[in-house]
Amino acid sequence: MQQPEIRKLTHEDEIPYHLLYLADESITAVADYIHRGEMYIGQVNRETIGIYVLLPTRPFTIELINLAVDEAYQGKGCGKALIRHAIATAKEKGYKVLEVGTGNAGIGQLALYQKCGFTIYGVDLDFFEKHYDHPIFENGIQCLHMIRMKIDL
């Protein structure tokens, strides 16, 4: 499978909301952070198949949020390519820590981030119950908690 070409989204590009909503069902949350962060897209044959957002959070720390890959391209190395690009981009920008949060039920996501060098450092208990207006299920498990992970750059 051809690896995606990854680049920063420009003002001329159409925002791929269908991908953003794969990773985050909250229209309100997506609308908030897409204007505060930088979006990067992955393309194969000019088709946008993946996206991620980098959002500065604290001095020397940036968060990888809303990593999403079109379902037809999942399991083919595209997510890993996007994560590696995010790590390289954060380093180039001078950040020392890259953080990510994912749901407790996202078994595949938890494995992928750890394969890319992230380690678990905390849990935001009941995050999804507090911030989403409906229950979210993945892999037959209710997503209740945000698993916080990081990688030192």
N, C-alpha and C. Protein backbone atom coordinates (compact mmCIF):
# COMPACT_ATOMS: atom_id res chain seq x y z
N MET A 1 0.85 -1.19 0.00
CA MET A 1 0.00 0.00 0.00
C MET A 1 0.88 1.24 0.00
N GLN A 2 0.55 2.15 -0.82
CA GLN A 2 1.28 3.41 -0.92
C GLN A 2 1.09 4.22 0.36
N GLN A 3 2.20 4.74 0.91
CA GLN A 3 2.12 5.56 2.11
C GLN A 3 1.58 6.94 1.74
N PRO A 4 0.85 7.54 2.65
CA PRO A 4 0.26 8.85 2.34
C PRO A 4 1.32 9.95 2.26
N GLU A 5 1.05 10.91 1.40
CA GLU A 5 1.81 12.14 1.38
C GLU A 5 1.15 13.04 2.42
N ILE A 6 1.95 13.58 3.35
CA ILE A 6 1.39 14.33 4.46
C ILE A 6 1.83 15.78 4.36
N ARG A 7 0.86 16.67 4.52
CA ARG A 7 1.16 18.10 4.45
C ARG A 7 0.18 18.87 5.32
N LYS A 8 0.59 20.11 5.63
CA LYS A 8 -0.26 20.99 6.43
C LYS A 8 -1.45 21.44 5.58
N LEU A 9 -2.61 21.44 6.18
CA LEU A 9 -3.82 21.92 5.51
C LEU A 9 -3.71 23.43 5.33
N THR A 10 -4.04 23.91 4.15
CA THR A 10 -3.98 25.34 3.87
C THR A 10 -5.39 25.93 3.88
N HIS A 11 -5.46 27.25 3.82
CA HIS A 11 -6.77 27.92 3.80
C HIS A 11 -7.54 27.62 2.52
N GLU A 12 -6.83 27.21 1.47
CA GLU A 12 -7.51 26.87 0.21
C GLU A 12 -8.12 25.47 0.23
N ASP A 13 -7.64 24.63 1.15
CA ASP A 13 -8.13 23.25 1.22
C ASP A 13 -9.49 23.19 1.91
N GLU A 14 -10.27 22.24 1.49
CA GLU A 14 -11.54 21.97 2.16
C GLU A 14 -11.25 21.14 3.41
N ILE A 15 -11.84 21.50 4.53
CA ILE A 15 -11.63 20.76 5.77
C ILE A 15 -12.38 19.43 5.68
N PRO A 16 -11.68 18.30 5.87
CA PRO A 16 -12.34 16.99 5.77
C PRO A 16 -13.07 16.62 7.07
N TYR A 17 -14.22 17.26 7.26
CA TYR A 17 -14.99 17.04 8.49
C TYR A 17 -15.37 15.57 8.67
N HIS A 18 -15.62 14.86 7.58
CA HIS A 18 -16.00 13.45 7.70
C HIS A 18 -14.91 12.65 8.42
N LEU A 19 -13.65 13.02 8.24
CA LEU A 19 -12.57 12.35 8.95
C LEU A 19 -12.48 12.82 10.40
N LEU A 20 -12.60 14.12 10.61
CA LEU A 20 -12.54 14.66 11.97
C LEU A 20 -13.60 14.01 12.85
N TYR A 21 -14.80 13.80 12.31
CA TYR A 21 -15.88 13.22 13.10
C TYR A 21 -15.73 11.72 13.31
N LEU A 22 -14.82 11.08 12.57
CA LEU A 22 -14.52 9.67 12.85
C LEU A 22 -13.85 9.54 14.22
N ALA A 23 -12.99 10.51 14.54
CA ALA A 23 -12.23 10.45 15.79
C ALA A 23 -12.91 11.19 16.93
N ASP A 24 -13.78 12.11 16.62
CA ASP A 24 -14.45 12.90 17.66
C ASP A 24 -15.85 13.24 17.19
N GLU A 25 -16.84 12.68 17.84
CA GLU A 25 -18.23 12.88 17.44
C GLU A 25 -18.79 14.23 17.85
N SER A 26 -18.05 14.97 18.67
CA SER A 26 -18.54 16.25 19.19
C SER A 26 -18.29 17.38 18.19
N ILE A 27 -19.36 17.84 17.56
CA ILE A 27 -19.26 18.95 16.61
C ILE A 27 -18.72 20.19 17.31
N THR A 28 -19.14 20.42 18.54
CA THR A 28 -18.70 21.58 19.31
C THR A 28 -17.20 21.52 19.58
N ALA A 29 -16.71 20.37 20.02
CA ALA A 29 -15.28 20.23 20.31
C ALA A 29 -14.44 20.40 19.04
N VAL A 30 -14.85 19.75 17.96
CA VAL A 30 -14.11 19.86 16.70
C VAL A 30 -14.07 21.31 16.24
N ALA A 31 -15.20 21.99 16.29
CA ALA A 31 -15.26 23.39 15.86
C ALA A 31 -14.32 24.26 16.68
N ASP A 32 -14.14 23.93 17.94
CA ASP A 32 -13.25 24.70 18.81
C ASP A 32 -11.78 24.47 18.45
N TYR A 33 -11.34 23.23 18.43
CA TYR A 33 -9.90 23.02 18.30
C TYR A 33 -9.35 23.11 16.88
N ILE A 34 -10.17 23.00 15.87
CA ILE A 34 -9.61 23.14 14.52
C ILE A 34 -9.15 24.56 14.24
N HIS A 35 -9.68 25.52 14.97
CA HIS A 35 -9.27 26.91 14.78
C HIS A 35 -8.12 27.30 15.70
N ARG A 36 -7.83 26.48 16.70
CA ARG A 36 -6.73 26.77 17.61
C ARG A 36 -5.48 25.96 17.29
N GLY A 37 -5.63 24.89 16.53
CA GLY A 37 -4.49 24.03 16.22
C GLY A 37 -4.13 24.09 14.75
N GLU A 38 -3.13 23.29 14.39
CA GLU A 38 -2.71 23.16 12.99
C GLU A 38 -3.15 21.78 12.50
N MET A 39 -3.80 21.75 11.33
CA MET A 39 -4.26 20.49 10.77
C MET A 39 -3.30 20.00 9.69
N TYR A 40 -3.09 18.70 9.68
CA TYR A 40 -2.26 18.05 8.67
C TYR A 40 -3.08 16.93 8.05
N ILE A 41 -2.96 16.80 6.74
CA ILE A 41 -3.72 15.76 6.04
C ILE A 41 -2.77 14.77 5.36
N GLY A 42 -3.23 13.54 5.28
CA GLY A 42 -2.54 12.50 4.54
C GLY A 42 -3.34 12.22 3.28
N GLN A 43 -2.64 12.18 2.15
CA GLN A 43 -3.32 11.93 0.87
C GLN A 43 -2.66 10.78 0.12
N VAL A 44 -3.49 10.00 -0.53
CA VAL A 44 -3.05 8.95 -1.45
C VAL A 44 -3.73 9.24 -2.78
N ASN A 45 -2.94 9.41 -3.81
CA ASN A 45 -3.47 9.75 -5.15
C ASN A 45 -4.42 10.96 -5.08
N ARG A 46 -4.02 11.97 -4.33
CA ARG A 46 -4.76 13.22 -4.14
C ARG A 46 -6.07 13.08 -3.38
N GLU A 47 -6.34 11.90 -2.87
CA GLU A 47 -7.53 11.68 -2.04
C GLU A 47 -7.11 11.82 -0.57
N THR A 48 -7.81 12.65 0.18
CA THR A 48 -7.51 12.82 1.60
C THR A 48 -8.02 11.62 2.36
N ILE A 49 -7.08 10.88 2.97
CA ILE A 49 -7.44 9.64 3.65
C ILE A 49 -7.16 9.69 5.15
N GLY A 50 -6.51 10.75 5.61
CA GLY A 50 -6.19 10.86 7.03
C GLY A 50 -5.98 12.30 7.45
N ILE A 51 -6.06 12.52 8.74
CA ILE A 51 -5.90 13.87 9.28
C ILE A 51 -5.43 13.77 10.72
N TYR A 52 -4.70 14.79 11.15
CA TYR A 52 -4.44 14.98 12.57
C TYR A 52 -4.32 16.46 12.85
N VAL A 53 -4.47 16.81 14.13
CA VAL A 53 -4.38 18.20 14.56
C VAL A 53 -3.33 18.27 15.67
N LEU A 54 -2.45 19.27 15.59
CA LEU A 54 -1.51 19.56 16.66
C LEU A 54 -1.97 20.82 17.37
N LEU A 55 -2.07 20.74 18.70
CA LEU A 55 -2.58 21.85 19.49
C LEU A 55 -1.62 22.13 20.66
N PRO A 56 -0.96 23.31 20.66
CA PRO A 56 -0.10 23.65 21.80
C PRO A 56 -0.94 23.74 23.07
N THR A 57 -0.42 23.17 24.17
CA THR A 57 -1.17 23.16 25.41
C THR A 57 -0.47 23.89 26.55
N ARG A 58 0.83 23.69 26.68
CA ARG A 58 1.63 24.32 27.73
C ARG A 58 3.01 24.63 27.15
N PRO A 59 3.82 25.40 27.86
CA PRO A 59 5.17 25.62 27.34
C PRO A 59 5.87 24.29 27.07
N PHE A 60 6.46 24.16 25.91
CA PHE A 60 7.22 22.98 25.47
C PHE A 60 6.38 21.73 25.25
N THR A 61 5.05 21.84 25.34
CA THR A 61 4.17 20.68 25.20
C THR A 61 3.11 20.96 24.14
N ILE A 62 2.90 19.97 23.29
CA ILE A 62 1.89 20.06 22.24
C ILE A 62 1.10 18.75 22.26
N GLU A 63 -0.17 18.82 21.90
CA GLU A 63 -1.00 17.62 21.91
C GLU A 63 -1.41 17.22 20.50
N LEU A 64 -1.33 15.94 20.24
CA LEU A 64 -1.84 15.35 19.01
C LEU A 64 -3.30 15.01 19.27
N ILE A 65 -4.18 15.70 18.56
CA ILE A 65 -5.61 15.43 18.76
C ILE A 65 -6.24 15.06 17.42
N ASN A 66 -7.30 14.36 17.51
CA ASN A 66 -8.11 13.99 16.37
C ASN A 66 -7.32 13.36 15.24
N LEU A 67 -6.61 12.28 15.54
CA LEU A 67 -5.97 11.47 14.52
C LEU A 67 -7.05 10.56 13.93
N ALA A 68 -7.25 10.65 12.62
CA ALA A 68 -8.27 9.81 11.98
C ALA A 68 -7.79 9.35 10.62
N VAL A 69 -8.13 8.11 10.29
CA VAL A 69 -7.83 7.53 8.98
C VAL A 69 -9.12 6.95 8.43
N ASP A 70 -9.38 7.26 7.16
CA ASP A 70 -10.56 6.71 6.48
C ASP A 70 -10.59 5.19 6.68
N GLU A 71 -11.77 4.67 6.94
CA GLU A 71 -11.91 3.24 7.27
C GLU A 71 -11.32 2.33 6.19
N ALA A 72 -11.38 2.73 4.94
CA ALA A 72 -10.84 1.91 3.85
C ALA A 72 -9.31 1.81 3.90
N TYR A 73 -8.66 2.71 4.63
CA TYR A 73 -7.20 2.73 4.71
C TYR A 73 -6.67 2.34 6.08
N GLN A 74 -7.55 1.98 7.00
CA GLN A 74 -7.11 1.58 8.33
C GLN A 74 -6.42 0.22 8.27
N GLY A 75 -5.43 0.04 9.14
CA GLY A 75 -4.71 -1.23 9.20
C GLY A 75 -3.67 -1.38 8.11
N LYS A 76 -3.33 -0.30 7.44
CA LYS A 76 -2.38 -0.36 6.31
C LYS A 76 -1.16 0.53 6.53
N GLY A 77 -0.97 0.99 7.76
CA GLY A 77 0.21 1.79 8.08
C GLY A 77 0.01 3.29 7.96
N CYS A 78 -1.17 3.72 7.57
CA CYS A 78 -1.42 5.16 7.39
C CYS A 78 -1.46 5.90 8.73
N GLY A 79 -2.09 5.31 9.73
CA GLY A 79 -2.14 5.93 11.04
C GLY A 79 -0.74 6.07 11.63
N LYS A 80 0.06 5.02 11.48
CA LYS A 80 1.43 5.06 11.98
C LYS A 80 2.23 6.14 11.26
N ALA A 81 2.03 6.29 9.95
CA ALA A 81 2.72 7.33 9.18
C ALA A 81 2.32 8.73 9.67
N LEU A 82 1.04 8.92 9.95
CA LEU A 82 0.57 10.21 10.47
C LEU A 82 1.16 10.50 11.85
N ILE A 83 1.22 9.50 12.71
CA ILE A 83 1.79 9.69 14.05
C ILE A 83 3.28 10.02 13.94
N ARG A 84 4.01 9.31 13.12
CA ARG A 84 5.44 9.59 12.95
C ARG A 84 5.65 11.00 12.41
N HIS A 85 4.79 11.43 11.49
CA HIS A 85 4.87 12.79 10.96
C HIS A 85 4.59 13.80 12.08
N ALA A 86 3.61 13.52 12.92
CA ALA A 86 3.29 14.42 14.04
C ALA A 86 4.47 14.54 15.00
N ILE A 87 5.12 13.42 15.29
CA ILE A 87 6.28 13.42 16.17
C ILE A 87 7.40 14.29 15.56
N ALA A 88 7.69 14.06 14.28
CA ALA A 88 8.74 14.83 13.60
C ALA A 88 8.39 16.32 13.55
N THR A 89 7.14 16.64 13.28
CA THR A 89 6.70 18.03 13.20
C THR A 89 6.83 18.71 14.56
N ALA A 90 6.41 18.04 15.62
CA ALA A 90 6.51 18.60 16.97
C ALA A 90 7.98 18.86 17.33
N LYS A 91 8.85 17.93 16.99
CA LYS A 91 10.29 18.11 17.24
C LYS A 91 10.82 19.32 16.49
N GLU A 92 10.48 19.41 15.20
CA GLU A 92 10.94 20.52 14.37
C GLU A 92 10.49 21.86 14.93
N LYS A 93 9.34 21.89 15.56
CA LYS A 93 8.80 23.13 16.12
C LYS A 93 9.40 23.45 17.50
N GLY A 94 10.25 22.57 18.01
CA GLY A 94 10.94 22.82 19.27
C GLY A 94 10.23 22.34 20.51
N TYR A 95 9.16 21.56 20.38
CA TYR A 95 8.47 21.04 21.56
C TYR A 95 9.28 19.91 22.17
N LYS A 96 9.11 19.71 23.46
CA LYS A 96 9.84 18.67 24.19
C LYS A 96 8.97 17.46 24.51
N VAL A 97 7.65 17.66 24.51
CA VAL A 97 6.71 16.57 24.84
C VAL A 97 5.54 16.62 23.87
N LEU A 98 5.16 15.46 23.37
CA LEU A 98 3.96 15.32 22.55
C LEU A 98 3.01 14.42 23.33
N GLU A 99 1.81 14.94 23.60
CA GLU A 99 0.81 14.19 24.35
C GLU A 99 -0.32 13.76 23.42
N VAL A 100 -1.06 12.76 23.86
CA VAL A 100 -2.25 12.31 23.15
C VAL A 100 -3.20 11.71 24.18
N GLY A 101 -4.49 11.83 23.91
CA GLY A 101 -5.49 11.20 24.76
C GLY A 101 -6.39 10.33 23.90
N THR A 102 -6.73 9.17 24.39
CA THR A 102 -7.63 8.29 23.66
C THR A 102 -8.54 7.57 24.65
N GLY A 103 -9.65 7.12 24.18
CA GLY A 103 -10.63 6.47 25.04
C GLY A 103 -10.18 5.12 25.55
N ASN A 104 -10.64 4.76 26.74
CA ASN A 104 -10.28 3.48 27.34
C ASN A 104 -10.73 2.29 26.49
N ALA A 105 -11.73 2.47 25.64
CA ALA A 105 -12.24 1.37 24.83
C ALA A 105 -11.54 1.26 23.48
N GLY A 106 -10.69 2.22 23.15
CA GLY A 106 -9.97 2.23 21.87
C GLY A 106 -8.75 1.33 21.92
N ILE A 107 -8.98 0.04 21.94
CA ILE A 107 -7.90 -0.94 22.10
C ILE A 107 -6.87 -0.82 20.98
N GLY A 108 -7.33 -0.67 19.75
CA GLY A 108 -6.42 -0.53 18.62
C GLY A 108 -5.60 0.75 18.71
N GLN A 109 -6.24 1.84 19.12
CA GLN A 109 -5.54 3.11 19.25
C GLN A 109 -4.49 3.04 20.35
N LEU A 110 -4.83 2.44 21.48
CA LEU A 110 -3.88 2.30 22.58
C LEU A 110 -2.65 1.51 22.13
N ALA A 111 -2.87 0.45 21.39
CA ALA A 111 -1.75 -0.36 20.88
C ALA A 111 -0.92 0.44 19.89
N LEU A 112 -1.57 1.14 18.97
CA LEU A 112 -0.85 1.90 17.96
C LEU A 112 0.04 2.97 18.59
N TYR A 113 -0.49 3.74 19.51
CA TYR A 113 0.32 4.79 20.14
C TYR A 113 1.52 4.20 20.88
N GLN A 114 1.31 3.08 21.56
CA GLN A 114 2.43 2.46 22.28
C GLN A 114 3.48 1.91 21.30
N LYS A 115 3.04 1.37 20.17
CA LYS A 115 3.99 0.91 19.16
C LYS A 115 4.82 2.07 18.60
N CYS A 116 4.26 3.28 18.66
CA CYS A 116 4.95 4.47 18.16
C CYS A 116 5.78 5.16 19.25
N GLY A 117 5.85 4.56 20.44
CA GLY A 117 6.72 5.08 21.49
C GLY A 117 6.05 5.85 22.60
N PHE A 118 4.73 6.00 22.57
CA PHE A 118 4.02 6.71 23.64
C PHE A 118 3.88 5.80 24.86
N THR A 119 3.86 6.44 26.04
CA THR A 119 3.63 5.70 27.28
C THR A 119 2.45 6.34 28.02
N ILE A 120 1.72 5.52 28.76
CA ILE A 120 0.58 5.99 29.54
C ILE A 120 1.11 6.71 30.78
N TYR A 121 0.56 7.89 31.04
CA TYR A 121 0.98 8.61 32.24
C TYR A 121 -0.20 9.05 33.11
N GLY A 122 -1.43 8.84 32.64
CA GLY A 122 -2.56 9.24 33.47
C GLY A 122 -3.89 8.86 32.86
N VAL A 123 -4.93 9.07 33.65
CA VAL A 123 -6.29 8.78 33.21
C VAL A 123 -7.19 9.93 33.65
N ASP A 124 -7.96 10.48 32.72
CA ASP A 124 -9.00 11.46 33.06
C ASP A 124 -10.28 10.67 33.28
N LEU A 125 -10.59 10.41 34.54
CA LEU A 125 -11.75 9.58 34.87
C LEU A 125 -13.05 10.25 34.43
N ASP A 126 -13.93 9.45 33.86
CA ASP A 126 -15.27 9.87 33.44
C ASP A 126 -15.27 11.02 32.42
N PHE A 127 -14.18 11.18 31.70
CA PHE A 127 -14.04 12.27 30.73
C PHE A 127 -15.20 12.27 29.73
N PHE A 128 -15.51 11.12 29.15
CA PHE A 128 -16.52 11.06 28.10
C PHE A 128 -17.94 11.23 28.64
N GLU A 129 -18.18 10.81 29.87
CA GLU A 129 -19.49 11.04 30.49
C GLU A 129 -19.70 12.52 30.78
N LYS A 130 -18.62 13.22 31.15
CA LYS A 130 -18.71 14.63 31.50
C LYS A 130 -18.82 15.54 30.27
N HIS A 131 -18.17 15.16 29.19
CA HIS A 131 -18.04 16.07 28.05
C HIS A 131 -18.84 15.70 26.80
N TYR A 132 -19.51 14.57 26.81
CA TYR A 132 -20.30 14.15 25.65
C TYR A 132 -21.73 13.91 26.09
N ASP A 133 -22.67 14.25 25.23
CA ASP A 133 -24.08 14.18 25.60
C ASP A 133 -24.72 12.81 25.35
N HIS A 134 -23.93 11.84 24.90
CA HIS A 134 -24.46 10.50 24.68
C HIS A 134 -23.33 9.48 24.91
N PRO A 135 -23.68 8.26 25.27
CA PRO A 135 -22.66 7.23 25.48
C PRO A 135 -21.94 6.89 24.18
N ILE A 136 -20.65 6.62 24.29
CA ILE A 136 -19.83 6.21 23.14
C ILE A 136 -19.34 4.79 23.41
N PHE A 137 -19.48 3.93 22.41
CA PHE A 137 -19.03 2.54 22.53
C PHE A 137 -18.02 2.24 21.44
N GLU A 138 -16.96 1.54 21.81
CA GLU A 138 -15.98 1.02 20.86
C GLU A 138 -15.67 -0.40 21.28
N ASN A 139 -15.59 -1.29 20.32
CA ASN A 139 -15.24 -2.69 20.61
C ASN A 139 -16.17 -3.31 21.65
N GLY A 140 -17.43 -2.86 21.68
CA GLY A 140 -18.40 -3.39 22.64
C GLY A 140 -18.18 -2.92 24.07
N ILE A 141 -17.32 -1.91 24.25
CA ILE A 141 -16.99 -1.38 25.58
C ILE A 141 -17.40 0.08 25.62
N GLN A 142 -18.04 0.50 26.71
CA GLN A 142 -18.37 1.92 26.83
C GLN A 142 -17.11 2.72 27.09
N CYS A 143 -16.95 3.77 26.32
CA CYS A 143 -15.82 4.67 26.45
C CYS A 143 -16.15 5.67 27.56
N LEU A 144 -15.51 5.51 28.70
CA LEU A 144 -15.76 6.37 29.85
C LEU A 144 -14.59 7.30 30.15
N HIS A 145 -13.38 6.75 30.08
CA HIS A 145 -12.19 7.46 30.56
C HIS A 145 -11.24 7.81 29.41
N MET A 146 -10.56 8.93 29.56
CA MET A 146 -9.54 9.36 28.61
C MET A 146 -8.19 8.85 29.13
N ILE A 147 -7.54 8.00 28.34
CA ILE A 147 -6.21 7.52 28.68
C ILE A 147 -5.20 8.54 28.13
N ARG A 148 -4.41 9.12 29.01
CA ARG A 148 -3.44 10.14 28.63
C ARG A 148 -2.08 9.47 28.39
N MET A 149 -1.48 9.78 27.23
CA MET A 149 -0.19 9.21 26.86
C MET A 149 0.74 10.32 26.41
N LYS A 150 2.05 10.05 26.44
CA LYS A 150 3.00 11.06 25.99
C LYS A 150 4.26 10.39 25.47
N ILE A 151 5.01 11.18 24.70
CA ILE A 151 6.34 10.77 24.25
C ILE A 151 7.24 11.97 24.40
N ASP A 152 8.42 11.72 24.97
CA ASP A 152 9.41 12.78 25.08
C ASP A 152 10.12 12.91 23.73
N LEU A 153 10.28 14.14 23.29
CA LEU A 153 10.87 14.38 21.96
C LEU A 153 12.35 14.68 22.06
